[in-house]
Amino acid sequence: MSKEFTELLESYDIRPSVGRTGVCWDNAWAESFNATLKNERVHRVIYRTKDEAARDVVRWIELRCNQKCLHSALGYRTPNEVEAEYRESRQVA
């Protein structure tokens, strides 16, 4: 990884991947998410501008993924359900 790229990541407080080259499961979740996003939304819409695309993708994530998509890693619950449960547990404690 280049020094310049590492410095750029650090300037945004982003930690670079620590996996070895060629380890396929390091980014499997990201690849799966991106494939779903492209198949279910991006490839079905014509965007006039980058801003329009960005707003639509955020809207899709907030309205579709976080409220309706069940995730096996979350016990087949939505991200919003898990977050609500977490917030509730923090208030009780």
N, C-alpha and C. Protein backbone atom coordinates (compact mmCIF):
# COMPACT_ATOMS: atom_id res chain seq x y z
N MET A 1 0.86 -1.16 0.00
CA MET A 1 0.00 0.00 0.00
C MET A 1 0.91 1.23 0.00
N SER A 2 0.56 2.19 -0.77
CA SER A 2 1.41 3.36 -0.89
C SER A 2 1.35 4.23 0.36
N LYS A 3 2.44 4.92 0.63
CA LYS A 3 2.51 5.81 1.79
C LYS A 3 1.48 6.93 1.66
N GLU A 4 1.31 7.46 0.45
CA GLU A 4 0.36 8.55 0.24
C GLU A 4 -1.07 8.11 0.54
N PHE A 5 -1.40 6.91 0.10
CA PHE A 5 -2.76 6.41 0.34
C PHE A 5 -2.99 6.19 1.83
N THR A 6 -1.99 5.65 2.51
CA THR A 6 -2.10 5.44 3.95
C THR A 6 -2.30 6.77 4.67
N GLU A 7 -1.56 7.78 4.26
CA GLU A 7 -1.71 9.10 4.87
C GLU A 7 -3.09 9.69 4.62
N LEU A 8 -3.63 9.47 3.41
CA LEU A 8 -4.97 9.95 3.10
C LEU A 8 -6.01 9.28 4.00
N LEU A 9 -5.90 7.97 4.14
CA LEU A 9 -6.83 7.25 5.02
C LEU A 9 -6.74 7.79 6.45
N GLU A 10 -5.53 7.97 6.92
CA GLU A 10 -5.34 8.47 8.29
C GLU A 10 -5.92 9.87 8.45
N SER A 11 -5.84 10.69 7.43
CA SER A 11 -6.38 12.05 7.53
C SER A 11 -7.90 12.05 7.70
N TYR A 12 -8.54 10.96 7.29
CA TYR A 12 -9.99 10.81 7.46
C TYR A 12 -10.34 9.86 8.60
N ASP A 13 -9.35 9.52 9.42
CA ASP A 13 -9.54 8.59 10.53
C ASP A 13 -10.09 7.24 10.07
N ILE A 14 -9.57 6.76 8.93
CA ILE A 14 -9.97 5.47 8.39
C ILE A 14 -8.81 4.49 8.60
N ARG A 15 -9.11 3.34 9.18
CA ARG A 15 -8.10 2.31 9.39
C ARG A 15 -8.02 1.42 8.15
N PRO A 16 -6.87 1.27 7.56
CA PRO A 16 -6.77 0.41 6.37
C PRO A 16 -6.97 -1.06 6.72
N SER A 17 -7.34 -1.84 5.74
CA SER A 17 -7.50 -3.27 5.93
C SER A 17 -6.18 -3.88 6.36
N VAL A 18 -6.25 -4.84 7.25
CA VAL A 18 -5.04 -5.49 7.72
C VAL A 18 -4.92 -6.90 7.18
N GLY A 19 -5.82 -7.28 6.29
CA GLY A 19 -5.80 -8.63 5.73
C GLY A 19 -4.69 -8.79 4.72
N ARG A 20 -4.35 -10.03 4.46
CA ARG A 20 -3.34 -10.34 3.46
C ARG A 20 -3.95 -10.25 2.06
N THR A 21 -3.12 -9.97 1.09
CA THR A 21 -3.57 -9.94 -0.30
C THR A 21 -4.09 -11.31 -0.69
N GLY A 22 -5.23 -11.33 -1.33
CA GLY A 22 -5.79 -12.58 -1.83
C GLY A 22 -6.68 -13.31 -0.84
N VAL A 23 -6.91 -12.76 0.33
CA VAL A 23 -7.80 -13.39 1.29
C VAL A 23 -9.22 -12.92 0.98
N CYS A 24 -9.99 -13.79 0.36
CA CYS A 24 -11.26 -13.39 -0.24
C CYS A 24 -12.31 -12.97 0.77
N TRP A 25 -12.29 -13.52 1.98
CA TRP A 25 -13.37 -13.21 2.91
C TRP A 25 -13.16 -11.91 3.68
N ASP A 26 -12.02 -11.24 3.51
CA ASP A 26 -11.81 -9.96 4.18
C ASP A 26 -12.90 -8.96 3.83
N ASN A 27 -13.25 -8.90 2.57
CA ASN A 27 -14.22 -7.91 2.11
C ASN A 27 -15.50 -8.55 1.59
N ALA A 28 -15.78 -9.77 2.01
CA ALA A 28 -16.95 -10.47 1.49
C ALA A 28 -18.24 -9.74 1.80
N TRP A 29 -18.37 -9.20 3.03
CA TRP A 29 -19.60 -8.50 3.40
C TRP A 29 -19.78 -7.26 2.54
N ALA A 30 -18.69 -6.54 2.27
CA ALA A 30 -18.79 -5.33 1.45
C ALA A 30 -19.14 -5.69 0.01
N GLU A 31 -18.53 -6.74 -0.50
CA GLU A 31 -18.83 -7.18 -1.86
C GLU A 31 -20.29 -7.59 -1.98
N SER A 32 -20.79 -8.30 -0.99
CA SER A 32 -22.18 -8.73 -1.00
C SER A 32 -23.13 -7.53 -0.95
N PHE A 33 -22.84 -6.58 -0.06
CA PHE A 33 -23.67 -5.38 0.04
C PHE A 33 -23.67 -4.61 -1.27
N ASN A 34 -22.48 -4.40 -1.84
CA ASN A 34 -22.39 -3.64 -3.09
C ASN A 34 -23.14 -4.33 -4.23
N ALA A 35 -23.06 -5.65 -4.28
CA ALA A 35 -23.78 -6.39 -5.32
C ALA A 35 -25.28 -6.21 -5.15
N THR A 36 -25.76 -6.30 -3.92
CA THR A 36 -27.19 -6.12 -3.65
C THR A 36 -27.63 -4.71 -4.02
N LEU A 37 -26.86 -3.71 -3.61
CA LEU A 37 -27.18 -2.32 -3.93
C LEU A 37 -27.27 -2.11 -5.44
N LYS A 38 -26.30 -2.62 -6.17
CA LYS A 38 -26.30 -2.45 -7.62
C LYS A 38 -27.47 -3.17 -8.28
N ASN A 39 -27.71 -4.42 -7.86
CA ASN A 39 -28.77 -5.21 -8.49
C ASN A 39 -30.17 -4.70 -8.15
N GLU A 40 -30.37 -4.28 -6.90
CA GLU A 40 -31.70 -3.87 -6.49
C GLU A 40 -32.00 -2.41 -6.77
N ARG A 41 -30.98 -1.58 -6.94
CA ARG A 41 -31.27 -0.16 -7.10
C ARG A 41 -30.51 0.52 -8.23
N VAL A 42 -29.20 0.56 -8.13
CA VAL A 42 -28.40 1.41 -9.03
C VAL A 42 -28.59 1.06 -10.50
N HIS A 43 -28.61 -0.23 -10.83
CA HIS A 43 -28.75 -0.62 -12.24
C HIS A 43 -30.18 -0.47 -12.77
N ARG A 44 -31.10 -0.09 -11.91
CA ARG A 44 -32.50 0.08 -12.32
C ARG A 44 -32.92 1.54 -12.45
N VAL A 45 -31.99 2.46 -12.14
CA VAL A 45 -32.31 3.89 -12.12
C VAL A 45 -31.31 4.64 -12.97
N ILE A 46 -31.78 5.66 -13.67
CA ILE A 46 -30.89 6.55 -14.42
C ILE A 46 -30.76 7.83 -13.62
N TYR A 47 -29.53 8.13 -13.23
CA TYR A 47 -29.26 9.32 -12.43
C TYR A 47 -28.74 10.44 -13.32
N ARG A 48 -29.24 11.65 -13.09
CA ARG A 48 -28.78 12.80 -13.87
C ARG A 48 -27.48 13.39 -13.33
N THR A 49 -27.29 13.27 -12.01
CA THR A 49 -26.10 13.84 -11.39
C THR A 49 -25.56 12.90 -10.32
N LYS A 50 -24.32 13.13 -9.90
CA LYS A 50 -23.74 12.35 -8.81
C LYS A 50 -24.49 12.62 -7.51
N ASP A 51 -24.89 13.86 -7.30
CA ASP A 51 -25.63 14.19 -6.09
C ASP A 51 -26.97 13.45 -6.02
N GLU A 52 -27.64 13.37 -7.15
CA GLU A 52 -28.91 12.63 -7.19
C GLU A 52 -28.67 11.16 -6.88
N ALA A 53 -27.61 10.60 -7.43
CA ALA A 53 -27.28 9.19 -7.17
C ALA A 53 -26.96 8.99 -5.69
N ALA A 54 -26.17 9.87 -5.12
CA ALA A 54 -25.80 9.75 -3.71
C ALA A 54 -27.02 9.83 -2.81
N ARG A 55 -27.91 10.78 -3.07
CA ARG A 55 -29.13 10.90 -2.26
C ARG A 55 -30.00 9.66 -2.37
N ASP A 56 -30.11 9.12 -3.57
CA ASP A 56 -30.94 7.94 -3.77
C ASP A 56 -30.35 6.72 -3.07
N VAL A 57 -29.04 6.56 -3.12
CA VAL A 57 -28.40 5.43 -2.47
C VAL A 57 -28.57 5.52 -0.96
N VAL A 58 -28.39 6.70 -0.39
CA VAL A 58 -28.59 6.89 1.05
C VAL A 58 -30.04 6.58 1.41
N ARG A 59 -30.97 7.06 0.62
CA ARG A 59 -32.39 6.80 0.87
C ARG A 59 -32.67 5.30 0.81
N TRP A 60 -32.09 4.61 -0.16
CA TRP A 60 -32.29 3.16 -0.31
C TRP A 60 -31.76 2.43 0.92
N ILE A 61 -30.58 2.83 1.37
CA ILE A 61 -29.99 2.18 2.55
C ILE A 61 -30.87 2.42 3.77
N GLU A 62 -31.26 3.67 3.99
CA GLU A 62 -32.06 3.99 5.18
C GLU A 62 -33.44 3.36 5.15
N LEU A 63 -34.11 3.38 4.01
CA LEU A 63 -35.49 2.90 3.94
C LEU A 63 -35.59 1.42 3.65
N ARG A 64 -34.68 0.87 2.88
CA ARG A 64 -34.76 -0.53 2.50
C ARG A 64 -33.93 -1.42 3.42
N CYS A 65 -32.65 -1.16 3.43
CA CYS A 65 -31.74 -2.04 4.19
C CYS A 65 -31.95 -1.96 5.68
N ASN A 66 -31.96 -0.77 6.21
CA ASN A 66 -32.01 -0.64 7.67
C ASN A 66 -33.37 -0.95 8.27
N GLN A 67 -34.44 -0.87 7.47
CA GLN A 67 -35.77 -1.12 8.01
C GLN A 67 -36.37 -2.45 7.60
N LYS A 68 -35.92 -3.03 6.49
CA LYS A 68 -36.60 -4.22 5.97
C LYS A 68 -35.72 -5.44 5.81
N CYS A 69 -34.41 -5.25 5.57
CA CYS A 69 -33.53 -6.39 5.30
C CYS A 69 -33.17 -7.12 6.59
N LEU A 70 -33.44 -8.40 6.60
CA LEU A 70 -33.07 -9.24 7.74
C LEU A 70 -31.64 -9.74 7.52
N HIS A 71 -30.83 -9.65 8.57
CA HIS A 71 -29.43 -10.03 8.46
C HIS A 71 -29.15 -11.23 9.36
N SER A 72 -28.56 -12.27 8.78
CA SER A 72 -28.26 -13.46 9.57
C SER A 72 -27.30 -13.15 10.70
N ALA A 73 -26.35 -12.24 10.48
CA ALA A 73 -25.39 -11.88 11.53
C ALA A 73 -26.07 -11.14 12.69
N LEU A 74 -27.27 -10.65 12.46
CA LEU A 74 -28.01 -9.94 13.51
C LEU A 74 -29.17 -10.78 14.04
N GLY A 75 -29.08 -12.08 13.85
CA GLY A 75 -30.15 -12.96 14.33
C GLY A 75 -31.43 -12.81 13.52
N TYR A 76 -31.28 -12.55 12.25
CA TYR A 76 -32.40 -12.36 11.32
C TYR A 76 -33.32 -11.24 11.79
N ARG A 77 -32.68 -10.15 12.20
CA ARG A 77 -33.37 -8.93 12.55
C ARG A 77 -32.84 -7.82 11.66
N THR A 78 -33.56 -6.70 11.62
CA THR A 78 -33.09 -5.56 10.83
C THR A 78 -32.08 -4.75 11.64
N PRO A 79 -31.23 -3.99 10.96
CA PRO A 79 -30.30 -3.11 11.69
C PRO A 79 -31.04 -2.15 12.63
N ASN A 80 -32.18 -1.64 12.21
CA ASN A 80 -32.94 -0.72 13.06
C ASN A 80 -33.44 -1.42 14.34
N GLU A 81 -33.86 -2.67 14.23
CA GLU A 81 -34.30 -3.41 15.41
C GLU A 81 -33.15 -3.60 16.39
N VAL A 82 -31.99 -3.95 15.87
CA VAL A 82 -30.83 -4.17 16.72
C VAL A 82 -30.40 -2.87 17.39
N GLU A 83 -30.42 -1.78 16.63
CA GLU A 83 -30.04 -0.49 17.21
C GLU A 83 -31.03 -0.07 18.30
N ALA A 84 -32.32 -0.26 18.05
CA ALA A 84 -33.33 0.11 19.04
C ALA A 84 -33.15 -0.71 20.32
N GLU A 85 -32.87 -1.99 20.16
CA GLU A 85 -32.64 -2.84 21.32
C GLU A 85 -31.40 -2.38 22.10
N TYR A 86 -30.36 -2.02 21.37
CA TYR A 86 -29.14 -1.53 22.01
C TYR A 86 -29.40 -0.23 22.78
N ARG A 87 -30.09 0.70 22.15
CA ARG A 87 -30.39 1.99 22.81
C ARG A 87 -31.24 1.78 24.05
N GLU A 88 -32.21 0.87 23.96
CA GLU A 88 -33.06 0.57 25.11
C GLU A 88 -32.25 -0.01 26.25
N SER A 89 -31.33 -0.92 25.93
CA SER A 89 -30.51 -1.54 26.97
C SER A 89 -29.59 -0.52 27.63
N ARG A 90 -29.14 0.48 26.87
CA ARG A 90 -28.28 1.52 27.44
C ARG A 90 -29.06 2.45 28.36
N GLN A 91 -30.33 2.68 28.08
CA GLN A 91 -31.14 3.55 28.92
C GLN A 91 -31.48 2.88 30.24
N VAL A 92 -31.68 1.57 30.19
CA VAL A 92 -32.04 0.83 31.39
C VAL A 92 -30.84 0.74 32.33
N ALA A 93 -29.65 0.60 31.77
CA ALA A 93 -28.44 0.41 32.59
C ALA A 93 -28.03 1.61 33.36
